Structures are given as structure tokens and as C-alpha cells.
Amino acid sequence: MSDKLITRPAYVIYVRGKGYIKNKAGEFHKDFEQARLFATEKSAQESATASKQLKKIGRDDNSYVIPVEMTLDPRKLFKTLLRDE
């Protein structure tokens, strides 16, 4: 197993004054750690467009799709797998 960190892009939706989209139900949370992650920018945009909650607050003026980066530390993965055996 590699010791190198593995990264990949992800996207979150942020709504000014409300916070980050937390789940499919359209709930919001102020903490980034609770944000729903999207694999592609397109899926985040489509979710923002389809969200009934965002339509109620005027999505175009207040919501932003923000690129973020997820990191996997293979050492932590290895330790977790060992603990489970």
C-alpha cells in the first residue's frame, strides 16, 4: 500500500445566509464538515437547480457551487482495515 496521499475533486453548495446544503432534503448547516459532497460540478449544479428549498430563497442570487478537494490517507485506511480483522 502506498504512503502517498490520494486526492480527488468534489463540490459543495453554499447558500449565502443559510450555509451549506446538508442533504437531499435541502437542509442547511453552517459547518463545512456537514456539507453534502458531489462528485462532479454538473451534479452539484443540477441538485441546486432541482432543490425546492433553493427555489424558495432565490437560488440564482444566493447559491454557489464551490470546488473542494477530498484527501484519503492510505495509512489511515490500512489501520482501519487492520482494526476490523
Protein backbone atom coordinates (compact mmCIF):
# COMPACT_ATOMS: atom_id res chain seq x y z
CA MET A 1 0.00 0.00 0.00
CA SER A 2 1.29 3.47 -0.86
CA ASP A 3 2.16 6.11 1.73
CA LYS A 4 1.16 8.83 -0.71
CA LEU A 5 -1.99 10.85 -0.03
CA ILE A 6 -4.67 10.36 -2.66
CA THR A 7 -6.83 13.34 -3.60
CA ARG A 8 -9.86 13.90 -5.79
CA PRO A 9 -12.10 16.84 -6.52
CA ALA A 10 -15.56 17.29 -5.03
CA TYR A 11 -18.14 20.07 -4.91
CA VAL A 12 -20.43 21.55 -2.27
CA ILE A 13 -23.31 24.01 -2.50
CA TYR A 14 -23.13 27.10 -0.30
CA VAL A 15 -26.10 29.42 0.16
CA ARG A 16 -25.44 32.92 1.44
CA GLY A 17 -27.14 33.46 4.78
CA LYS A 18 -28.07 29.78 5.24
CA GLY A 19 -24.86 27.74 5.00
CA TYR A 20 -24.04 24.53 3.16
CA ILE A 21 -26.60 22.13 1.72
CA LYS A 22 -26.54 19.18 4.12
CA ASN A 23 -28.68 16.51 2.44
CA LYS A 24 -31.17 15.70 -0.30
CA ALA A 25 -34.00 17.13 1.80
CA GLY A 26 -32.49 20.59 1.35
CA GLU A 27 -31.48 21.18 4.97
CA PHE A 28 -28.68 23.63 5.66
CA HIS A 29 -25.78 23.63 8.10
CA LYS A 30 -23.28 26.39 8.91
CA ASP A 31 -20.34 23.95 9.31
CA PHE A 32 -18.48 22.82 6.21
CA GLU A 33 -17.95 19.37 7.75
CA GLN A 34 -21.69 18.72 7.43
CA ALA A 35 -21.87 19.68 3.74
CA ARG A 36 -23.13 17.22 1.18
CA LEU A 37 -20.37 16.31 -1.28
CA PHE A 38 -20.98 15.99 -5.01
CA ALA A 39 -18.65 14.07 -7.31
CA THR A 40 -18.99 16.46 -10.24
CA GLU A 41 -19.72 20.13 -10.72
CA LYS A 42 -22.56 19.19 -13.06
CA SER A 43 -24.31 17.06 -10.41
CA ALA A 44 -23.97 19.88 -7.86
CA GLN A 45 -25.44 22.38 -10.35
CA GLU A 46 -28.31 20.01 -11.19
CA SER A 47 -29.04 19.47 -7.49
CA ALA A 48 -29.10 23.21 -6.89
CA THR A 49 -31.46 23.67 -9.83
CA ALA A 50 -33.80 20.90 -8.65
CA SER A 51 -33.85 21.91 -4.98
CA LYS A 52 -37.24 23.19 -3.86
CA GLN A 53 -35.64 24.91 -0.86
CA LEU A 54 -33.30 26.91 -3.10
CA LYS A 55 -36.15 27.92 -5.38
CA LYS A 56 -37.95 29.41 -2.37
CA ILE A 57 -34.99 31.66 -1.49
CA GLY A 58 -33.96 32.68 -4.99
CA ARG A 59 -31.21 30.24 -5.93
CA ASP A 60 -29.57 32.33 -8.64
CA ASP A 61 -28.62 35.20 -6.33
CA ASN A 62 -27.67 33.25 -3.23
CA SER A 63 -26.18 29.83 -4.03
CA TYR A 64 -22.68 28.90 -5.14
CA VAL A 65 -21.12 25.62 -6.22
CA ILE A 66 -17.71 25.54 -4.53
CA PRO A 67 -14.91 23.20 -5.62
CA VAL A 68 -13.20 21.35 -2.75
CA GLU A 69 -10.70 18.54 -2.55
CA MET A 70 -11.08 15.24 -0.68
CA THR A 71 -7.96 13.51 0.64
CA LEU A 72 -7.52 9.86 1.50
CA ASP A 73 -4.58 8.92 3.70
CA PRO A 74 -3.80 5.27 2.82
CA ARG A 75 -2.12 4.79 6.20
CA LYS A 76 -5.41 5.52 7.99
CA LEU A 77 -7.25 3.19 5.62
CA PHE A 78 -4.73 0.44 6.37
CA LYS A 79 -5.03 0.95 10.15
CA THR A 80 -8.83 0.87 9.94
CA LEU A 81 -8.77 -2.37 7.95
CA LEU A 82 -6.38 -3.97 10.43
CA ARG A 83 -8.57 -2.95 13.36
CA ASP A 84 -11.61 -4.56 11.74
CA GLU A 85 -10.00 -8.03 11.35
